[in-house]
Amino acid sequence: MKLSESPMISLISFHNTRLRGHPSGYVDMTTNNENWEKWQMEYLDANRFYLKSSHGTYLRGFPDGRVDLSPNRMDWEIWTKVDNGGRRFWRSFHGTYLRAHPDGRVDLAP
């Protein structure tokens, strides 16, 4: 299926760090602004999308709160934009939200 694609973007946290995907599948936050911090949204509809890393892999959320990169484009790789009070949140397929920690960790929170 051909999806609508966004230009490459950076996802910047409240801590002014960027979501980074590693070739190994690891995901963290950094102050860098290079290729590993670029993402492309592949839209399923107006609010649901896959987040494709610069390595061609997809951001995946697990039911236990872990986040990594996957070569798949299935349910666990689907994200939903949620706007609330001028802020944007990314909700996982499991109903949890992408969260950045000040120390660079990334996980999912209720």
C-alpha atoms as a PDB file:
ATOM      1  CA  MET A   1       0.000   0.000   0.000  1.00  0.00           C
ATOM      2  CA  LYS A   2       1.345   3.439  -0.942  1.00  0.00           C
ATOM      3  CA  LEU A   3       1.187   5.806   2.019  1.00  0.00           C
ATOM      4  CA  SER A   4       1.312   9.585   2.123  1.00  0.00           C
ATOM      5  CA  GLU A   5       4.778  10.618   3.334  1.00  0.00           C
ATOM      6  CA  SER A   6       6.009  13.710   5.147  1.00  0.00           C
ATOM      7  CA  PRO A   7       9.400  15.321   4.549  1.00  0.00           C
ATOM      8  CA  MET A   8      12.143  14.222   6.974  1.00  0.00           C
ATOM      9  CA  ILE A   9      11.558  15.840  10.369  1.00  0.00           C
ATOM     10  CA  SER A  10      13.067  15.950  13.861  1.00  0.00           C
ATOM     11  CA  LEU A  11      10.957  15.035  16.880  1.00  0.00           C
ATOM     12  CA  ILE A  12      11.949  17.413  19.669  1.00  0.00           C
ATOM     13  CA  SER A  13      11.091  16.726  23.309  1.00  0.00           C
ATOM     14  CA  PHE A  14      10.175  19.028  26.183  1.00  0.00           C
ATOM     15  CA  HIS A  15      13.870  18.706  27.206  1.00  0.00           C
ATOM     16  CA  ASN A  16      14.929  20.099  23.806  1.00  0.00           C
ATOM     17  CA  THR A  17      16.411  16.755  22.758  1.00  0.00           C
ATOM     18  CA  ARG A  18      15.729  14.877  19.523  1.00  0.00           C
ATOM     19  CA  LEU A  19      14.536  11.318  19.017  1.00  0.00           C
ATOM     20  CA  ARG A  20      17.416   9.262  17.565  1.00  0.00           C
ATOM     21  CA  GLY A  21      17.282   5.851  15.919  1.00  0.00           C
ATOM     22  CA  HIS A  22      20.412   3.681  15.810  1.00  0.00           C
ATOM     23  CA  PRO A  23      21.130   1.095  13.076  1.00  0.00           C
ATOM     24  CA  SER A  24      21.094  -1.579  15.831  1.00  0.00           C
ATOM     25  CA  GLY A  25      17.429  -0.804  16.603  1.00  0.00           C
ATOM     26  CA  TYR A  26      18.126   1.155  19.793  1.00  0.00           C
ATOM     27  CA  VAL A  27      16.232   4.452  20.303  1.00  0.00           C
ATOM     28  CA  ASP A  28      17.248   7.347  22.549  1.00  0.00           C
ATOM     29  CA  MET A  29      17.235  11.142  22.825  1.00  0.00           C
ATOM     30  CA  THR A  30      20.145  13.429  21.935  1.00  0.00           C
ATOM     31  CA  THR A  31      21.022  17.069  21.371  1.00  0.00           C
ATOM     32  CA  ASN A  32      22.498  16.118  17.960  1.00  0.00           C
ATOM     33  CA  ASN A  33      20.721  17.169  14.778  1.00  0.00           C
ATOM     34  CA  GLU A  34      22.153  14.808  12.162  1.00  0.00           C
ATOM     35  CA  ASN A  35      20.703  12.062   9.934  1.00  0.00           C
ATOM     36  CA  TRP A  36      20.032   9.607  12.782  1.00  0.00           C
ATOM     37  CA  GLU A  37      17.670  12.206  14.302  1.00  0.00           C
ATOM     38  CA  LYS A  38      15.533  12.484  11.142  1.00  0.00           C
ATOM     39  CA  TRP A  39      12.200  10.710  10.757  1.00  0.00           C
ATOM     40  CA  GLN A  40       9.523  10.441   8.122  1.00  0.00           C
ATOM     41  CA  MET A  41       5.832  10.041   8.877  1.00  0.00           C
ATOM     42  CA  GLU A  42       4.061   7.553   6.624  1.00  0.00           C
ATOM     43  CA  TYR A  43       0.387   8.404   7.077  1.00  0.00           C
ATOM     44  CA  LEU A  44      -2.373   5.799   7.238  1.00  0.00           C
ATOM     45  CA  ASP A  45      -4.947   8.594   7.650  1.00  0.00           C
ATOM     46  CA  ALA A  46      -5.042  12.147   9.044  1.00  0.00           C
ATOM     47  CA  ASN A  47      -3.859  11.143  12.547  1.00  0.00           C
ATOM     48  CA  ARG A  48      -2.328   7.635  12.323  1.00  0.00           C
ATOM     49  CA  PHE A  49       1.120   6.987  10.915  1.00  0.00           C
ATOM     50  CA  TYR A  50       4.320   4.977  10.957  1.00  0.00           C
ATOM     51  CA  LEU A  51       7.536   6.756  12.032  1.00  0.00           C
ATOM     52  CA  LYS A  52      10.303   5.713   9.651  1.00  0.00           C
ATOM     53  CA  SER A  53      13.903   6.256  10.768  1.00  0.00           C
ATOM     54  CA  SER A  54      16.718   7.377   8.494  1.00  0.00           C
ATOM     55  CA  HIS A  55      17.810   3.705   8.492  1.00  0.00           C
ATOM     56  CA  GLY A  56      14.523   2.582   6.892  1.00  0.00           C
ATOM     57  CA  THR A  57      13.225   0.954  10.090  1.00  0.00           C
ATOM     58  CA  TYR A  58      10.091   1.870  12.050  1.00  0.00           C
ATOM     59  CA  LEU A  59       9.542   3.063  15.612  1.00  0.00           C
ATOM     60  CA  ARG A  60       7.839   0.263  17.556  1.00  0.00           C
ATOM     61  CA  GLY A  61       6.136   0.377  20.951  1.00  0.00           C
ATOM     62  CA  PHE A  62       5.787  -2.707  23.172  1.00  0.00           C
ATOM     63  CA  PRO A  63       2.975  -3.366  25.688  1.00  0.00           C
ATOM     64  CA  ASP A  64       5.566  -3.346  28.528  1.00  0.00           C
ATOM     65  CA  GLY A  65       6.689   0.233  27.691  1.00  0.00           C
ATOM     66  CA  ARG A  66       9.826  -0.494  25.658  1.00  0.00           C
ATOM     67  CA  VAL A  67      10.534   1.275  22.365  1.00  0.00           C
ATOM     68  CA  ASP A  68      12.830   0.177  19.542  1.00  0.00           C
ATOM     69  CA  LEU A  69      13.147   0.069  15.756  1.00  0.00           C
ATOM     70  CA  SER A  70      11.654  -2.690  13.644  1.00  0.00           C
ATOM     71  CA  PRO A  71      11.873  -3.609   9.964  1.00  0.00           C
ATOM     72  CA  ASN A  72       8.116  -4.281  10.123  1.00  0.00           C
ATOM     73  CA  ARG A  73       5.228  -1.973   9.369  1.00  0.00           C
ATOM     74  CA  MET A  74       2.448  -3.618  11.389  1.00  0.00           C
ATOM     75  CA  ASP A  75       0.180  -2.761  14.346  1.00  0.00           C
ATOM     76  CA  TRP A  76       2.900  -2.203  16.968  1.00  0.00           C
ATOM     77  CA  GLU A  77       4.532   0.350  14.656  1.00  0.00           C
ATOM     78  CA  ILE A  78       1.369   2.486  14.308  1.00  0.00           C
ATOM     79  CA  TRP A  79       1.320   5.852  16.130  1.00  0.00           C
ATOM     80  CA  THR A  80      -1.475   8.399  16.579  1.00  0.00           C
ATOM     81  CA  LYS A  81      -1.104  12.185  16.860  1.00  0.00           C
ATOM     82  CA  VAL A  82      -2.909  13.570  19.895  1.00  0.00           C
ATOM     83  CA  ASP A  83      -3.169  17.351  20.276  1.00  0.00           C
ATOM     84  CA  ASN A  84      -3.859  18.677  23.758  1.00  0.00           C
ATOM     85  CA  GLY A  85      -3.611  22.314  24.825  1.00  0.00           C
ATOM     86  CA  GLY A  86      -1.229  23.315  22.042  1.00  0.00           C
ATOM     87  CA  ARG A  87       1.074  20.342  22.687  1.00  0.00           C
ATOM     88  CA  ARG A  88       1.375  17.235  20.528  1.00  0.00           C
ATOM     89  CA  PHE A  89       1.723  13.717  21.880  1.00  0.00           C
ATOM     90  CA  TRP A  90       2.414  10.398  20.099  1.00  0.00           C
ATOM     91  CA  ARG A  91       0.164   7.541  21.258  1.00  0.00           C
ATOM     92  CA  SER A  92       1.250   3.967  20.586  1.00  0.00           C
ATOM     93  CA  PHE A  93      -0.950   1.171  19.280  1.00  0.00           C
ATOM     94  CA  HIS A  94      -1.202   0.018  22.929  1.00  0.00           C
ATOM     95  CA  GLY A  95      -2.646   3.350  24.137  1.00  0.00           C
ATOM     96  CA  THR A  96       0.540   4.498  25.875  1.00  0.00           C
ATOM     97  CA  TYR A  97       2.494   7.649  25.060  1.00  0.00           C
ATOM     98  CA  LEU A  98       6.049   8.197  23.845  1.00  0.00           C
ATOM     99  CA  ARG A  99       8.091   9.708  26.678  1.00  0.00           C
ATOM    100  CA  ALA A 100      11.574  11.266  26.701  1.00  0.00           C
ATOM    101  CA  HIS A 101      13.610  11.360  29.912  1.00  0.00           C
ATOM    102  CA  PRO A 102      16.215  14.048  30.713  1.00  0.00           C
ATOM    103  CA  ASP A 103      18.972  11.375  30.702  1.00  0.00           C
ATOM    104  CA  GLY A 104      18.200  10.384  27.079  1.00  0.00           C
ATOM    105  CA  ARG A 105      16.064   7.304  27.721  1.00  0.00           C
ATOM    106  CA  VAL A 106      12.857   6.789  25.738  1.00  0.00           C
ATOM    107  CA  ASP A 107       9.890   4.691  26.787  1.00  0.00           C
ATOM    108  CA  LEU A 108       6.089   4.576  26.830  1.00  0.00           C
ATOM    109  CA  ALA A 109       3.920   5.924  29.642  1.00  0.00           C
ATOM    110  CA  PRO A 110       0.190   5.594  30.368  1.00  0.00           C
END
